[in-house]
């Protein structure tokens, strides 16, 4: 579960989400691109992948987005997963997570998740084998160049995982190019729509009152 605004939100996953998580966590796919429907579990699915890969594959990640605010969405979900497992957090984490970094103790691998903004300076630093690009569909060519620079680090690792995910905001740019030419660039496409995530209303109320 996650906590949001002081409320507990139980995680509910549909089959396409489970397939996306399974294939990336178990190394069936090392380059994935997800077309996220708004508010339908895309960021949650990505956060679960990061958490499980940190635990079971001892994989460090950079989480990059066009802005710090965008990058924080998935990052906060991952922090929530650590918070849900308090005994695990005490045993594994080196210190209390900061606003931009989760670090484990050296005796469990010294792995980390770091949240950065897509600037050329930040993106050209040394990067681990795991990279998540959130809200990759940008209208800014400078952001696209920074993201492309960030992608080069993991590609040099023999065992890497790159996930580009976004709601499709723009019809041009890096994300559109990756989606349209996914096969040629070595990316597997994942997609589900909002309708698949809907469930019957169990409140037994007059639906007219909702609108």
Protein backbone atom coordinates (compact mmCIF):
# COMPACT_ATOMS: atom_id res chain seq x y z
CA UNK A 1 0.00 0.00 0.00
CA UNK A 2 0.91 3.67 -0.26
CA UNK A 3 0.02 6.58 1.95
CA UNK A 4 -1.13 9.80 0.34
CA UNK A 5 -2.42 12.87 2.17
CA UNK A 6 -2.57 10.79 5.33
CA UNK A 7 -4.74 8.09 3.75
CA UNK A 8 -3.86 4.46 3.02
CA UNK A 9 -4.22 3.48 -0.63
CA UNK A 10 -4.09 -0.26 -1.33
CA UNK A 11 -2.21 -1.23 -4.49
CA UNK A 12 -4.34 -2.89 -7.15
CA UNK A 13 -2.62 -4.18 -10.28
CA UNK A 14 -4.18 -5.30 -13.55
CA UNK A 15 -2.61 -7.94 -15.81
CA UNK A 16 -0.72 -5.54 -18.14
CA UNK A 17 0.90 -3.92 -15.07
CA UNK A 18 1.90 -7.32 -13.66
CA UNK A 19 3.41 -8.31 -17.01
CA UNK A 20 5.36 -5.03 -17.20
CA UNK A 21 6.69 -5.55 -13.65
CA UNK A 22 7.50 -9.24 -14.18
CA UNK A 23 9.41 -8.84 -17.45
CA UNK A 24 11.55 -5.94 -16.24
CA UNK A 25 12.30 -7.21 -12.72
CA UNK A 26 13.22 -10.69 -13.95
CA UNK A 27 15.47 -9.37 -16.71
CA UNK A 28 13.30 -10.57 -19.62
CA UNK A 29 13.49 -7.00 -20.95
CA UNK A 30 16.33 -4.53 -20.39
CA UNK A 31 14.89 -1.56 -22.31
CA UNK A 32 11.22 -0.72 -21.88
CA UNK A 33 8.98 2.15 -22.92
CA UNK A 34 5.65 2.70 -21.20
CA UNK A 35 2.80 4.85 -22.52
CA UNK A 36 1.18 5.90 -19.23
CA UNK A 37 -2.52 6.74 -19.09
CA UNK A 38 -3.04 9.59 -16.67
CA UNK A 39 -3.87 8.46 -13.14
CA UNK A 40 -3.94 4.76 -14.01
CA UNK A 41 -1.03 3.20 -12.16
CA UNK A 42 1.92 3.83 -14.46
CA UNK A 43 4.06 5.62 -11.89
CA UNK A 44 3.08 3.09 -9.22
CA UNK A 45 4.14 0.20 -11.48
CA UNK A 46 7.50 1.84 -12.18
CA UNK A 47 8.11 2.46 -8.47
CA UNK A 48 7.44 -1.22 -7.70
CA UNK A 49 10.00 -2.20 -10.37
CA UNK A 50 12.64 0.08 -8.84
CA UNK A 51 11.97 -1.21 -5.33
CA UNK A 52 12.12 -4.89 -6.32
CA UNK A 53 15.25 -4.41 -8.45
CA UNK A 54 16.99 -2.67 -5.54
CA UNK A 55 16.08 -5.58 -3.26
CA UNK A 56 16.60 -8.62 -5.45
CA UNK A 57 18.95 -7.52 -8.23
CA UNK A 58 21.04 -5.15 -6.06
CA UNK A 59 20.62 -2.55 -8.82
CA UNK A 60 21.13 1.18 -8.29
CA UNK A 61 18.97 3.67 -10.19
CA UNK A 62 18.94 7.22 -11.42
CA UNK A 63 15.45 8.68 -11.73
CA UNK A 64 15.41 11.59 -14.16
CA UNK A 65 12.61 13.86 -15.36
CA UNK A 66 12.15 17.21 -17.04
CA UNK A 67 11.64 18.92 -13.69
CA UNK A 68 12.31 18.12 -10.04
CA UNK A 69 8.58 18.06 -9.36
CA UNK A 70 7.98 15.42 -12.06
CA UNK A 71 10.84 13.25 -10.81
CA UNK A 72 9.49 13.35 -7.27
CA UNK A 73 6.27 11.47 -8.13
CA UNK A 74 7.87 8.05 -8.65
CA UNK A 75 10.55 8.78 -6.03
CA UNK A 76 7.94 9.36 -3.31
CA UNK A 77 6.17 6.11 -4.23
CA UNK A 78 9.48 4.22 -3.79
CA UNK A 79 10.01 5.92 -0.41
CA UNK A 80 6.49 4.80 0.55
CA UNK A 81 7.38 1.18 -0.23
CA UNK A 82 10.41 1.39 2.06
CA UNK A 83 8.25 3.05 4.76
CA UNK A 84 5.74 0.17 4.54
CA UNK A 85 8.53 -2.26 5.40
CA UNK A 86 9.94 -0.72 8.57
CA UNK A 87 12.05 -3.71 9.68
CA UNK A 88 13.56 -3.98 6.21
CA UNK A 89 14.30 -0.25 6.16
CA UNK A 90 16.08 -0.44 9.53
CA UNK A 91 18.18 -3.38 8.38
CA UNK A 92 19.02 -2.09 4.89
CA UNK A 93 19.03 1.70 4.74
CA UNK A 94 22.16 3.61 5.66
CA UNK A 95 20.20 6.60 6.85
CA UNK A 96 16.79 8.23 6.56
CA UNK A 97 16.11 8.92 2.86
CA UNK A 98 16.63 12.51 1.78
CA UNK A 99 14.44 14.40 -0.70
CA UNK A 100 16.58 13.13 -3.58
CA UNK A 101 18.41 9.95 -2.50
CA UNK A 102 17.78 6.56 -0.91
CA UNK A 103 21.01 4.78 0.06
CA UNK A 104 21.49 1.26 1.47
CA UNK A 105 24.27 0.11 3.78
CA UNK A 106 27.52 -1.16 2.29
CA UNK A 107 26.98 -4.64 3.73
CA UNK A 108 23.85 -5.04 1.58
CA UNK A 109 25.46 -3.65 -1.56
CA UNK A 110 25.59 0.12 -1.06
CA UNK A 111 22.93 0.52 -3.75
CA UNK A 112 20.95 3.70 -4.19
CA UNK A 113 18.15 5.54 -5.94
CA UNK A 114 18.92 9.14 -6.84
CA UNK A 115 16.43 11.63 -8.20
CA UNK A 116 17.79 14.27 -10.62
CA UNK A 117 16.48 16.90 -13.01
CA UNK A 118 17.31 16.49 -16.70
CA UNK A 119 20.07 19.06 -17.08
CA UNK A 120 23.12 18.34 -19.23
CA UNK A 121 25.48 18.73 -16.27
CA UNK A 122 23.55 16.26 -14.07
CA UNK A 123 22.86 13.83 -16.90
CA UNK A 124 26.49 13.50 -17.98
CA UNK A 125 27.71 12.32 -14.57
CA UNK A 126 28.53 8.71 -13.73
CA UNK A 127 25.32 6.67 -13.80
CA UNK A 128 24.40 3.22 -12.46
CA UNK A 129 22.91 0.39 -14.57
CA UNK A 130 19.32 1.36 -13.73
CA UNK A 131 17.73 4.42 -15.33
CA UNK A 132 14.10 5.56 -15.21
CA UNK A 133 13.07 8.54 -17.33
CA UNK A 134 9.72 9.83 -16.07
CA UNK A 135 7.53 12.14 -18.14
CA UNK A 136 9.93 11.63 -21.03
CA UNK A 137 7.58 13.31 -23.51
CA UNK A 138 8.93 16.88 -23.41
CA UNK A 139 8.68 19.86 -25.74
CA UNK A 140 12.15 21.14 -24.80
CA UNK A 141 14.98 19.97 -27.06
CA UNK A 142 17.55 20.75 -24.33
CA UNK A 143 15.75 18.35 -21.98
CA UNK A 144 15.72 15.68 -24.68
CA UNK A 145 19.48 16.07 -25.15
CA UNK A 146 20.05 15.78 -21.41
CA UNK A 147 17.94 12.62 -21.26
CA UNK A 148 19.82 11.12 -24.22
CA UNK A 149 23.09 11.83 -22.41
CA UNK A 150 21.79 10.09 -19.28
CA UNK A 151 20.90 7.00 -21.33
CA UNK A 152 24.50 6.42 -22.42
CA UNK A 153 25.73 5.37 -18.97
CA UNK A 154 23.48 2.33 -18.41
CA UNK A 155 23.97 1.18 -22.02
CA UNK A 156 27.66 0.59 -21.24
CA UNK A 157 26.72 -1.85 -18.46
CA UNK A 158 26.37 -5.55 -19.39
CA UNK A 159 23.27 -5.89 -17.19
CA UNK A 160 21.18 -2.75 -17.35
CA UNK A 161 17.58 -1.61 -17.19
CA UNK A 162 16.26 1.52 -18.90
CA UNK A 163 12.61 2.50 -18.56
CA UNK A 164 11.23 5.50 -20.46
CA UNK A 165 7.70 6.33 -19.38
CA UNK A 166 5.32 9.19 -20.00
CA UNK A 167 1.85 10.36 -20.70
CA UNK A 168 2.04 11.26 -24.40
CA UNK A 169 2.05 15.07 -24.10
CA UNK A 170 3.85 15.91 -27.34
CA UNK A 171 3.67 14.46 -30.84
CA UNK A 172 7.38 15.07 -31.48
CA UNK A 173 10.63 14.67 -29.59
CA UNK A 174 12.72 11.94 -27.97
CA UNK A 175 9.84 9.97 -26.42
CA UNK A 176 7.84 9.96 -29.66
CA UNK A 177 10.93 8.77 -31.53
CA UNK A 178 11.57 5.98 -29.03
CA UNK A 179 7.95 4.86 -29.20
CA UNK A 180 7.64 4.93 -32.99
CA UNK A 181 10.96 3.12 -33.53
CA UNK A 182 10.94 0.95 -30.41
CA UNK A 183 11.88 -2.28 -32.19
CA UNK A 184 14.82 -0.75 -34.02
CA UNK A 185 16.11 0.88 -30.83
CA UNK A 186 15.70 -2.25 -28.70
CA UNK A 187 12.75 -1.13 -26.56
CA UNK A 188 9.71 -3.21 -25.71
CA UNK A 189 6.45 -1.26 -25.69
CA UNK A 190 3.99 -1.42 -22.80
CA UNK A 191 0.60 0.24 -22.70
CA UNK A 192 -2.80 0.00 -21.03
CA UNK A 193 -5.71 2.40 -20.96
CA UNK A 194 -7.86 4.00 -18.30
CA UNK A 195 -10.87 1.80 -19.10
CA UNK A 196 -8.89 -1.31 -18.09
CA UNK A 197 -8.25 0.23 -14.66
CA UNK A 198 -11.88 1.06 -13.88
CA UNK A 199 -13.90 -0.93 -11.33
CA UNK A 200 -17.64 -0.95 -10.53
CA UNK A 201 -18.76 1.64 -8.00
CA UNK A 202 -19.52 -0.14 -4.72
CA UNK A 203 -20.78 2.91 -2.84
CA UNK A 204 -24.42 2.33 -3.93
CA UNK A 205 -25.04 6.02 -4.43
CA UNK A 206 -26.95 8.02 -6.99
CA UNK A 207 -24.39 8.53 -9.77
CA UNK A 208 -25.99 11.86 -10.66
CA UNK A 209 -24.62 13.25 -7.40
CA UNK A 210 -21.08 12.60 -8.61
CA UNK A 211 -21.40 15.03 -11.52
